[in-house]
């Protein structure tokens, strides 16, 4: 798990395989993210793509821990504030088994995890071994806009 701000994006450009992180970072740096409509944006086929989301955050207790086997997430806040929670995958208990089509496993909420308040211009990187719980309110539920850049790791 990595938590950082936009000014340090280039530091992570050489992670992973085949320049995929560099493509993700170029997208984040060179795109007017505020103008993007919600939806999916192809960057490099199934290797790197982005999902832009707008929603109202929910109480922490209602959000769900998840992991992905094939993809790393860069969850970048465009507007608003959200609490994202991290916990190691081996400290979580599966509540919904792996869905291969959606590349997701869900876990129960027994682990309090490490809560991070993520503001506009900040992001968290979650690898396949990082349990993460997005969508939680930082205080009262509020509207947010974020982009999740998915980077294929296999």
N, C-alpha and C. Protein backbone atom coordinates (compact mmCIF):
# COMPACT_ATOMS: atom_id res chain seq x y z
N UNK A 1 0.85 -1.17 0.00
CA UNK A 1 0.00 0.00 0.00
C UNK A 1 0.89 1.23 0.00
N UNK A 2 0.50 2.18 -0.79
CA UNK A 2 1.22 3.45 -0.88
C UNK A 2 0.20 4.57 -0.77
N UNK A 3 0.53 5.59 0.01
CA UNK A 3 -0.29 6.80 0.09
C UNK A 3 0.61 7.97 -0.27
N UNK A 4 0.17 8.81 -1.22
CA UNK A 4 1.03 9.92 -1.64
C UNK A 4 0.18 11.00 -2.30
N UNK A 5 0.85 12.05 -2.80
CA UNK A 5 0.15 13.14 -3.47
C UNK A 5 0.65 13.29 -4.91
N UNK A 6 -0.12 14.01 -5.70
CA UNK A 6 0.11 14.14 -7.14
C UNK A 6 1.54 14.57 -7.47
N UNK A 7 2.12 15.43 -6.65
CA UNK A 7 3.46 15.94 -6.97
C UNK A 7 4.51 14.84 -7.01
N UNK A 8 4.22 13.68 -6.43
CA UNK A 8 5.20 12.59 -6.38
C UNK A 8 4.88 11.42 -7.32
N UNK A 9 3.95 11.60 -8.24
CA UNK A 9 3.56 10.51 -9.13
C UNK A 9 4.75 9.90 -9.88
N UNK A 10 5.66 10.73 -10.36
CA UNK A 10 6.77 10.22 -11.16
C UNK A 10 7.65 9.22 -10.40
N UNK A 11 7.66 9.31 -9.09
CA UNK A 11 8.47 8.39 -8.28
C UNK A 11 8.09 6.94 -8.54
N UNK A 12 6.82 6.68 -8.89
CA UNK A 12 6.31 5.31 -9.04
C UNK A 12 6.29 4.82 -10.49
N UNK A 13 6.79 5.61 -11.39
CA UNK A 13 6.74 5.32 -12.82
C UNK A 13 7.41 4.00 -13.21
N UNK A 14 8.46 3.58 -12.50
CA UNK A 14 9.20 2.38 -12.88
C UNK A 14 8.81 1.12 -12.11
N UNK A 15 7.71 1.17 -11.38
CA UNK A 15 7.22 -0.04 -10.71
C UNK A 15 6.64 -1.00 -11.74
N UNK A 16 6.49 -2.25 -11.35
CA UNK A 16 5.76 -3.21 -12.17
C UNK A 16 6.46 -3.63 -13.44
N UNK A 17 5.66 -4.13 -14.37
CA UNK A 17 6.18 -4.74 -15.59
C UNK A 17 5.81 -3.95 -16.83
N UNK A 18 6.66 -4.02 -17.83
CA UNK A 18 6.39 -3.54 -19.19
C UNK A 18 5.92 -2.08 -19.27
N UNK A 19 6.38 -1.22 -18.37
CA UNK A 19 6.04 0.19 -18.45
C UNK A 19 4.59 0.52 -18.15
N UNK A 20 3.87 -0.40 -17.53
CA UNK A 20 2.45 -0.16 -17.29
C UNK A 20 2.21 0.96 -16.28
N UNK A 21 3.02 1.03 -15.24
CA UNK A 21 2.87 2.12 -14.27
C UNK A 21 3.14 3.46 -14.94
N UNK A 22 4.13 3.51 -15.83
CA UNK A 22 4.44 4.77 -16.53
C UNK A 22 3.23 5.23 -17.34
N UNK A 23 2.54 4.29 -17.99
CA UNK A 23 1.35 4.65 -18.76
C UNK A 23 0.24 5.17 -17.85
N UNK A 24 0.08 4.53 -16.70
CA UNK A 24 -0.94 4.98 -15.73
C UNK A 24 -0.62 6.38 -15.23
N UNK A 25 0.64 6.62 -14.92
CA UNK A 25 1.04 7.93 -14.39
C UNK A 25 0.92 9.00 -15.46
N UNK A 26 1.30 8.69 -16.69
CA UNK A 26 1.13 9.66 -17.77
C UNK A 26 -0.33 10.04 -17.93
N UNK A 27 -1.23 9.06 -17.83
CA UNK A 27 -2.67 9.35 -17.91
C UNK A 27 -3.08 10.31 -16.78
N UNK A 28 -2.66 10.02 -15.56
CA UNK A 28 -3.05 10.86 -14.42
C UNK A 28 -2.48 12.28 -14.54
N UNK A 29 -1.28 12.40 -15.04
CA UNK A 29 -0.62 13.72 -15.13
C UNK A 29 -1.07 14.54 -16.33
N UNK A 30 -1.43 13.87 -17.43
CA UNK A 30 -1.67 14.58 -18.69
C UNK A 30 -3.14 14.65 -19.11
N UNK A 31 -4.03 14.25 -18.21
CA UNK A 31 -5.46 14.27 -18.51
C UNK A 31 -6.14 15.26 -17.59
N UNK A 32 -7.08 16.02 -18.12
CA UNK A 32 -7.87 16.91 -17.27
C UNK A 32 -8.93 16.05 -16.59
N UNK A 33 -8.57 15.50 -15.46
CA UNK A 33 -9.41 14.53 -14.76
C UNK A 33 -10.77 15.10 -14.35
N UNK A 34 -10.80 16.37 -14.02
CA UNK A 34 -12.05 17.00 -13.61
C UNK A 34 -13.08 16.97 -14.73
N UNK A 35 -12.65 17.00 -15.97
CA UNK A 35 -13.57 17.04 -17.11
C UNK A 35 -14.04 15.66 -17.55
N UNK A 36 -13.44 14.59 -17.04
CA UNK A 36 -13.83 13.24 -17.44
C UNK A 36 -15.20 12.87 -16.87
N UNK A 37 -16.05 12.33 -17.71
CA UNK A 37 -17.34 11.81 -17.26
C UNK A 37 -17.13 10.45 -16.62
N UNK A 38 -18.01 10.06 -15.70
CA UNK A 38 -17.90 8.71 -15.14
C UNK A 38 -17.93 7.67 -16.26
N UNK A 39 -17.10 6.64 -16.08
CA UNK A 39 -17.04 5.58 -17.07
C UNK A 39 -15.64 5.00 -17.15
N UNK A 40 -15.48 4.10 -18.12
CA UNK A 40 -14.21 3.39 -18.31
C UNK A 40 -13.43 4.03 -19.45
N UNK A 41 -12.11 4.18 -19.25
CA UNK A 41 -11.23 4.78 -20.23
C UNK A 41 -10.05 3.84 -20.48
N UNK A 42 -9.90 3.42 -21.73
CA UNK A 42 -8.81 2.52 -22.09
C UNK A 42 -7.52 3.33 -22.20
N UNK A 43 -6.46 2.81 -21.59
CA UNK A 43 -5.14 3.43 -21.67
C UNK A 43 -4.22 2.52 -22.46
N UNK A 44 -4.20 1.24 -22.12
CA UNK A 44 -3.39 0.23 -22.81
C UNK A 44 -4.16 -1.10 -22.77
N UNK A 45 -5.28 -1.14 -23.46
CA UNK A 45 -6.10 -2.35 -23.51
C UNK A 45 -6.48 -2.83 -22.13
N UNK A 46 -6.35 -4.14 -21.90
CA UNK A 46 -6.66 -4.71 -20.59
C UNK A 46 -5.50 -4.58 -19.62
N UNK A 47 -4.36 -4.10 -20.11
CA UNK A 47 -3.19 -3.95 -19.24
C UNK A 47 -3.28 -2.74 -18.32
N UNK A 48 -3.84 -1.64 -18.83
CA UNK A 48 -3.99 -0.41 -18.05
C UNK A 48 -5.27 0.28 -18.52
N UNK A 49 -6.17 0.53 -17.58
CA UNK A 49 -7.38 1.28 -17.91
C UNK A 49 -7.83 2.05 -16.67
N UNK A 50 -8.74 2.98 -16.87
CA UNK A 50 -9.20 3.83 -15.78
C UNK A 50 -10.71 3.77 -15.66
N UNK A 51 -11.19 3.78 -14.44
CA UNK A 51 -12.62 3.89 -14.14
C UNK A 51 -12.84 5.18 -13.36
N UNK A 52 -13.59 6.09 -13.95
CA UNK A 52 -13.93 7.34 -13.27
C UNK A 52 -15.26 7.13 -12.58
N UNK A 53 -15.31 7.51 -11.29
CA UNK A 53 -16.51 7.30 -10.48
C UNK A 53 -16.91 8.59 -9.77
N UNK A 54 -18.20 8.78 -9.65
CA UNK A 54 -18.76 9.84 -8.80
C UNK A 54 -19.82 9.18 -7.93
N UNK A 55 -19.76 9.41 -6.63
CA UNK A 55 -20.75 8.85 -5.72
C UNK A 55 -20.69 9.60 -4.40
N UNK A 56 -21.63 9.29 -3.53
CA UNK A 56 -21.62 9.83 -2.18
C UNK A 56 -21.02 8.77 -1.27
N UNK A 57 -20.03 9.16 -0.48
CA UNK A 57 -19.39 8.21 0.42
C UNK A 57 -20.41 7.67 1.42
N UNK A 58 -20.07 6.52 2.02
CA UNK A 58 -20.99 5.84 2.94
C UNK A 58 -20.32 5.68 4.30
N UNK A 59 -21.08 5.38 5.35
CA UNK A 59 -20.45 5.15 6.65
C UNK A 59 -19.41 4.02 6.56
N UNK A 60 -18.34 4.15 7.33
CA UNK A 60 -17.24 3.18 7.31
C UNK A 60 -17.74 1.76 7.49
N UNK A 61 -18.70 1.58 8.38
CA UNK A 61 -19.23 0.24 8.69
C UNK A 61 -19.91 -0.42 7.49
N UNK A 62 -20.38 0.38 6.54
CA UNK A 62 -21.07 -0.15 5.37
C UNK A 62 -20.13 -0.45 4.20
N UNK A 63 -18.96 0.15 4.21
CA UNK A 63 -17.98 -0.11 3.15
C UNK A 63 -17.41 -1.51 3.32
N UNK A 64 -16.83 -2.07 2.25
CA UNK A 64 -16.35 -3.44 2.29
C UNK A 64 -14.88 -3.52 1.90
N UNK A 65 -14.13 -4.35 2.64
CA UNK A 65 -12.77 -4.66 2.24
C UNK A 65 -12.81 -5.50 0.97
N UNK A 66 -11.82 -5.30 0.11
CA UNK A 66 -11.71 -6.06 -1.13
C UNK A 66 -10.25 -6.23 -1.51
N UNK A 67 -10.00 -7.20 -2.38
CA UNK A 67 -8.70 -7.33 -3.05
C UNK A 67 -8.95 -7.77 -4.48
N UNK A 68 -7.91 -7.64 -5.29
CA UNK A 68 -7.94 -8.06 -6.68
C UNK A 68 -6.74 -8.95 -6.92
N UNK A 69 -6.91 -10.03 -7.64
CA UNK A 69 -5.79 -10.95 -7.90
C UNK A 69 -4.91 -10.50 -9.06
N UNK A 70 -5.52 -9.90 -10.06
CA UNK A 70 -4.78 -9.59 -11.29
C UNK A 70 -4.37 -8.13 -11.45
N UNK A 71 -4.99 -7.24 -10.70
CA UNK A 71 -4.75 -5.81 -10.92
C UNK A 71 -4.36 -5.08 -9.65
N UNK A 72 -3.49 -4.09 -9.84
CA UNK A 72 -3.21 -3.08 -8.82
C UNK A 72 -4.12 -1.90 -9.09
N UNK A 73 -4.60 -1.26 -8.02
CA UNK A 73 -5.41 -0.04 -8.14
C UNK A 73 -4.58 1.18 -7.76
N UNK A 74 -4.66 2.21 -8.57
CA UNK A 74 -4.27 3.55 -8.11
C UNK A 74 -5.59 4.29 -7.94
N UNK A 75 -5.98 4.54 -6.69
CA UNK A 75 -7.24 5.23 -6.41
C UNK A 75 -6.91 6.70 -6.13
N UNK A 76 -7.18 7.54 -7.12
CA UNK A 76 -6.79 8.94 -7.13
C UNK A 76 -8.02 9.82 -6.94
N UNK A 77 -8.00 10.63 -5.89
CA UNK A 77 -9.14 11.51 -5.61
C UNK A 77 -9.06 12.76 -6.49
N UNK A 78 -10.10 12.97 -7.25
CA UNK A 78 -10.20 14.15 -8.10
C UNK A 78 -10.86 15.29 -7.34
N UNK A 79 -11.95 14.98 -6.64
CA UNK A 79 -12.71 15.98 -5.90
C UNK A 79 -13.31 15.34 -4.66
N UNK A 80 -13.27 16.06 -3.55
CA UNK A 80 -13.84 15.55 -2.31
C UNK A 80 -12.83 14.84 -1.44
N UNK A 81 -13.33 14.18 -0.40
CA UNK A 81 -12.50 13.50 0.58
C UNK A 81 -13.15 12.17 0.92
N UNK A 82 -12.31 11.14 1.02
CA UNK A 82 -12.80 9.80 1.31
C UNK A 82 -11.84 9.12 2.29
N UNK A 83 -12.37 8.29 3.16
CA UNK A 83 -11.53 7.45 4.01
C UNK A 83 -11.32 6.12 3.31
N UNK A 84 -10.05 5.79 3.07
CA UNK A 84 -9.69 4.49 2.52
C UNK A 84 -8.96 3.74 3.63
N UNK A 85 -9.26 2.46 3.77
CA UNK A 85 -8.68 1.66 4.84
C UNK A 85 -7.86 0.53 4.24
N UNK A 86 -6.70 0.29 4.84
CA UNK A 86 -5.80 -0.78 4.40
C UNK A 86 -5.68 -1.84 5.49
N UNK A 87 -5.60 -3.10 5.06
CA UNK A 87 -5.27 -4.21 5.96
C UNK A 87 -4.59 -5.30 5.12
N UNK A 88 -3.56 -5.96 5.65
CA UNK A 88 -2.93 -7.05 4.91
C UNK A 88 -3.94 -8.15 4.60
N UNK A 89 -3.85 -8.71 3.41
CA UNK A 89 -4.82 -9.72 2.97
C UNK A 89 -4.88 -10.91 3.93
N UNK A 90 -3.76 -11.27 4.53
CA UNK A 90 -3.75 -12.44 5.42
C UNK A 90 -4.36 -12.16 6.79
N UNK A 91 -4.79 -10.91 7.01
CA UNK A 91 -5.47 -10.56 8.26
C UNK A 91 -6.97 -10.34 8.05
N UNK A 92 -7.47 -10.71 6.87
CA UNK A 92 -8.88 -10.53 6.54
C UNK A 92 -9.55 -11.88 6.33
N UNK A 93 -10.85 -11.92 6.59
CA UNK A 93 -11.63 -13.16 6.41
C UNK A 93 -12.62 -12.96 5.25
N UNK A 94 -12.56 -13.88 4.29
CA UNK A 94 -13.39 -13.80 3.08
C UNK A 94 -14.87 -13.86 3.45
N UNK A 95 -15.66 -12.95 2.88
CA UNK A 95 -17.12 -12.99 3.04
C UNK A 95 -17.80 -13.34 1.71
N UNK A 96 -17.18 -12.93 0.58
CA UNK A 96 -17.69 -13.28 -0.75
C UNK A 96 -16.48 -13.78 -1.56
N UNK A 97 -16.51 -15.06 -1.98
CA UNK A 97 -15.36 -15.64 -2.69
C UNK A 97 -15.01 -14.89 -3.98
N UNK A 98 -13.84 -15.21 -4.49
CA UNK A 98 -13.30 -14.57 -5.69
C UNK A 98 -14.26 -14.68 -6.87
N UNK A 99 -14.50 -13.54 -7.52
CA UNK A 99 -15.29 -13.46 -8.74
C UNK A 99 -14.30 -13.19 -9.87
N UNK A 100 -14.04 -14.22 -10.67
CA UNK A 100 -13.01 -14.11 -11.72
C UNK A 100 -13.37 -13.04 -12.75
N UNK A 101 -14.64 -12.93 -13.11
CA UNK A 101 -15.07 -11.96 -14.11
C UNK A 101 -14.80 -10.52 -13.65
N UNK A 102 -15.03 -10.26 -12.37
CA UNK A 102 -14.84 -8.91 -11.83
C UNK A 102 -13.50 -8.73 -11.12
N UNK A 103 -12.72 -9.82 -11.01
CA UNK A 103 -11.42 -9.80 -10.33
C UNK A 103 -11.53 -9.16 -8.94
N UNK A 104 -12.41 -9.73 -8.10
CA UNK A 104 -12.59 -9.16 -6.77
C UNK A 104 -12.96 -10.24 -5.76
N UNK A 105 -12.44 -10.09 -4.56
CA UNK A 105 -12.82 -10.87 -3.38
C UNK A 105 -13.26 -9.85 -2.35
N UNK A 106 -14.36 -10.12 -1.62
CA UNK A 106 -14.79 -9.23 -0.54
C UNK A 106 -14.55 -9.92 0.80
N UNK A 107 -14.32 -9.08 1.82
CA UNK A 107 -13.98 -9.57 3.16
C UNK A 107 -14.91 -8.93 4.19
N UNK A 108 -14.96 -9.55 5.38
CA UNK A 108 -15.77 -8.97 6.44
C UNK A 108 -15.07 -7.73 7.01
N UNK A 109 -15.76 -7.06 7.92
CA UNK A 109 -15.28 -5.80 8.47
C UNK A 109 -14.70 -5.92 9.87
N UNK A 110 -14.28 -7.10 10.26
CA UNK A 110 -13.78 -7.28 11.62
C UNK A 110 -12.44 -6.59 11.87
N UNK A 111 -11.63 -6.45 10.85
CA UNK A 111 -10.32 -5.81 11.01
C UNK A 111 -10.49 -4.30 10.91
N UNK A 112 -10.05 -3.53 11.94
CA UNK A 112 -10.20 -2.08 11.87
C UNK A 112 -9.28 -1.44 10.84
N UNK A 113 -8.19 -2.12 10.49
CA UNK A 113 -7.28 -1.63 9.46
C UNK A 113 -6.65 -0.28 9.79
N UNK A 114 -5.94 0.22 8.82
CA UNK A 114 -5.29 1.52 8.90
C UNK A 114 -6.11 2.48 8.05
N UNK A 115 -6.75 3.45 8.70
CA UNK A 115 -7.61 4.40 7.99
C UNK A 115 -6.79 5.60 7.53
N UNK A 116 -6.99 5.98 6.26
CA UNK A 116 -6.29 7.13 5.68
C UNK A 116 -7.33 8.03 5.04
N UNK A 117 -7.32 9.30 5.41
CA UNK A 117 -8.21 10.28 4.79
C UNK A 117 -7.50 10.79 3.53
N UNK A 118 -8.12 10.55 2.39
CA UNK A 118 -7.54 10.87 1.09
C UNK A 118 -8.31 12.05 0.50
N UNK A 119 -7.58 13.13 0.23
CA UNK A 119 -8.18 14.37 -0.28
C UNK A 119 -7.87 14.52 -1.77
N UNK A 120 -8.52 15.48 -2.40
CA UNK A 120 -8.28 15.77 -3.81
C UNK A 120 -6.79 15.96 -4.07
N UNK A 121 -6.29 15.31 -5.12
CA UNK A 121 -4.87 15.39 -5.46
C UNK A 121 -4.01 14.38 -4.72
N UNK A 122 -4.64 13.51 -3.94
CA UNK A 122 -3.92 12.45 -3.24
C UNK A 122 -4.43 11.11 -3.76
N UNK A 123 -3.64 10.06 -3.50
CA UNK A 123 -4.01 8.75 -4.00
C UNK A 123 -3.43 7.66 -3.11
N UNK A 124 -4.02 6.47 -3.27
CA UNK A 124 -3.47 5.28 -2.64
C UNK A 124 -3.28 4.24 -3.72
N UNK A 125 -2.20 3.49 -3.60
CA UNK A 125 -1.92 2.38 -4.51
C UNK A 125 -2.10 1.10 -3.73
N UNK A 126 -2.97 0.24 -4.22
CA UNK A 126 -3.25 -1.05 -3.58
C UNK A 126 -2.86 -2.17 -4.53
N UNK A 127 -1.92 -2.99 -4.08
CA UNK A 127 -1.47 -4.15 -4.86
C UNK A 127 -2.37 -5.35 -4.56
N UNK A 128 -2.23 -6.44 -5.31
CA UNK A 128 -3.09 -7.61 -5.08
C UNK A 128 -3.03 -8.17 -3.65
N UNK A 129 -1.96 -7.94 -2.94
CA UNK A 129 -1.84 -8.44 -1.56
C UNK A 129 -2.33 -7.44 -0.52
N UNK A 130 -2.86 -6.30 -0.97
CA UNK A 130 -3.32 -5.25 -0.08
C UNK A 130 -4.85 -5.25 0.03
N UNK A 131 -5.37 -5.63 1.19
CA UNK A 131 -6.79 -5.47 1.42
C UNK A 131 -7.09 -3.98 1.50
N UNK A 132 -8.15 -3.54 0.86
CA UNK A 132 -8.50 -2.11 0.89
C UNK A 132 -10.01 -1.94 0.94
N UNK A 133 -10.38 -0.85 1.59
CA UNK A 133 -11.79 -0.56 1.82
C UNK A 133 -12.02 0.89 1.40
N UNK A 134 -12.44 1.11 0.16
CA UNK A 134 -12.74 2.47 -0.30
C UNK A 134 -14.19 2.84 0.00
N UNK A 135 -14.57 4.01 -0.43
CA UNK A 135 -15.95 4.53 -0.41
C UNK A 135 -16.43 5.01 0.96
N UNK A 136 -15.61 4.95 1.98
CA UNK A 136 -16.06 5.35 3.33
C UNK A 136 -15.97 6.86 3.51
N UNK A 137 -16.93 7.39 4.22
CA UNK A 137 -16.98 8.83 4.50
C UNK A 137 -15.86 9.25 5.44
N UNK A 138 -15.39 10.45 5.24
CA UNK A 138 -14.45 11.09 6.16
C UNK A 138 -15.30 12.05 6.98
N UNK A 139 -16.00 11.52 7.98
CA UNK A 139 -17.00 12.30 8.71
C UNK A 139 -18.37 11.96 8.15
N UNK A 140 -19.11 12.98 7.75
CA UNK A 140 -20.43 12.77 7.16
C UNK A 140 -20.32 12.34 5.70
N UNK A 141 -21.23 11.49 5.20
CA UNK A 141 -21.22 11.15 3.79
C UNK A 141 -21.24 12.40 2.91
N UNK A 142 -20.46 12.36 1.83
CA UNK A 142 -20.32 13.53 0.96
C UNK A 142 -20.00 13.07 -0.46
N UNK A 143 -20.33 13.90 -1.45
CA UNK A 143 -20.03 13.53 -2.84
C UNK A 143 -18.53 13.59 -3.11
N UNK A 144 -18.07 12.64 -3.93
CA UNK A 144 -16.67 12.64 -4.35
C UNK A 144 -16.60 12.29 -5.83
N UNK A 145 -15.46 12.56 -6.41
CA UNK A 145 -15.13 12.10 -7.75
C UNK A 145 -13.72 11.56 -7.69
N UNK A 146 -13.53 10.36 -8.21
CA UNK A 146 -12.19 9.79 -8.23
C UNK A 146 -12.01 8.95 -9.48
N UNK A 147 -10.76 8.64 -9.75
CA UNK A 147 -10.42 7.75 -10.85
C UNK A 147 -9.62 6.59 -10.25
N UNK A 148 -9.98 5.39 -10.66
CA UNK A 148 -9.23 4.20 -10.27
C UNK A 148 -8.53 3.70 -11.52
N UNK A 149 -7.21 3.82 -11.53
CA UNK A 149 -6.44 3.29 -12.65
C UNK A 149 -6.05 1.87 -12.29
N UNK A 150 -6.41 0.93 -13.16
CA UNK A 150 -6.17 -0.49 -12.96
C UNK A 150 -4.95 -0.90 -13.78
N UNK A 151 -3.98 -1.53 -13.11
CA UNK A 151 -2.74 -1.96 -13.76
C UNK A 151 -2.63 -3.47 -13.64
N UNK A 152 -2.61 -4.16 -14.77
CA UNK A 152 -2.53 -5.62 -14.77
C UNK A 152 -1.14 -6.04 -14.31
N UNK A 153 -1.12 -6.94 -13.32
CA UNK A 153 0.14 -7.38 -12.74
C UNK A 153 0.60 -8.73 -13.27
N UNK A 154 -0.26 -9.47 -13.97
CA UNK A 154 0.11 -10.80 -14.46
C UNK A 154 0.14 -10.84 -15.97
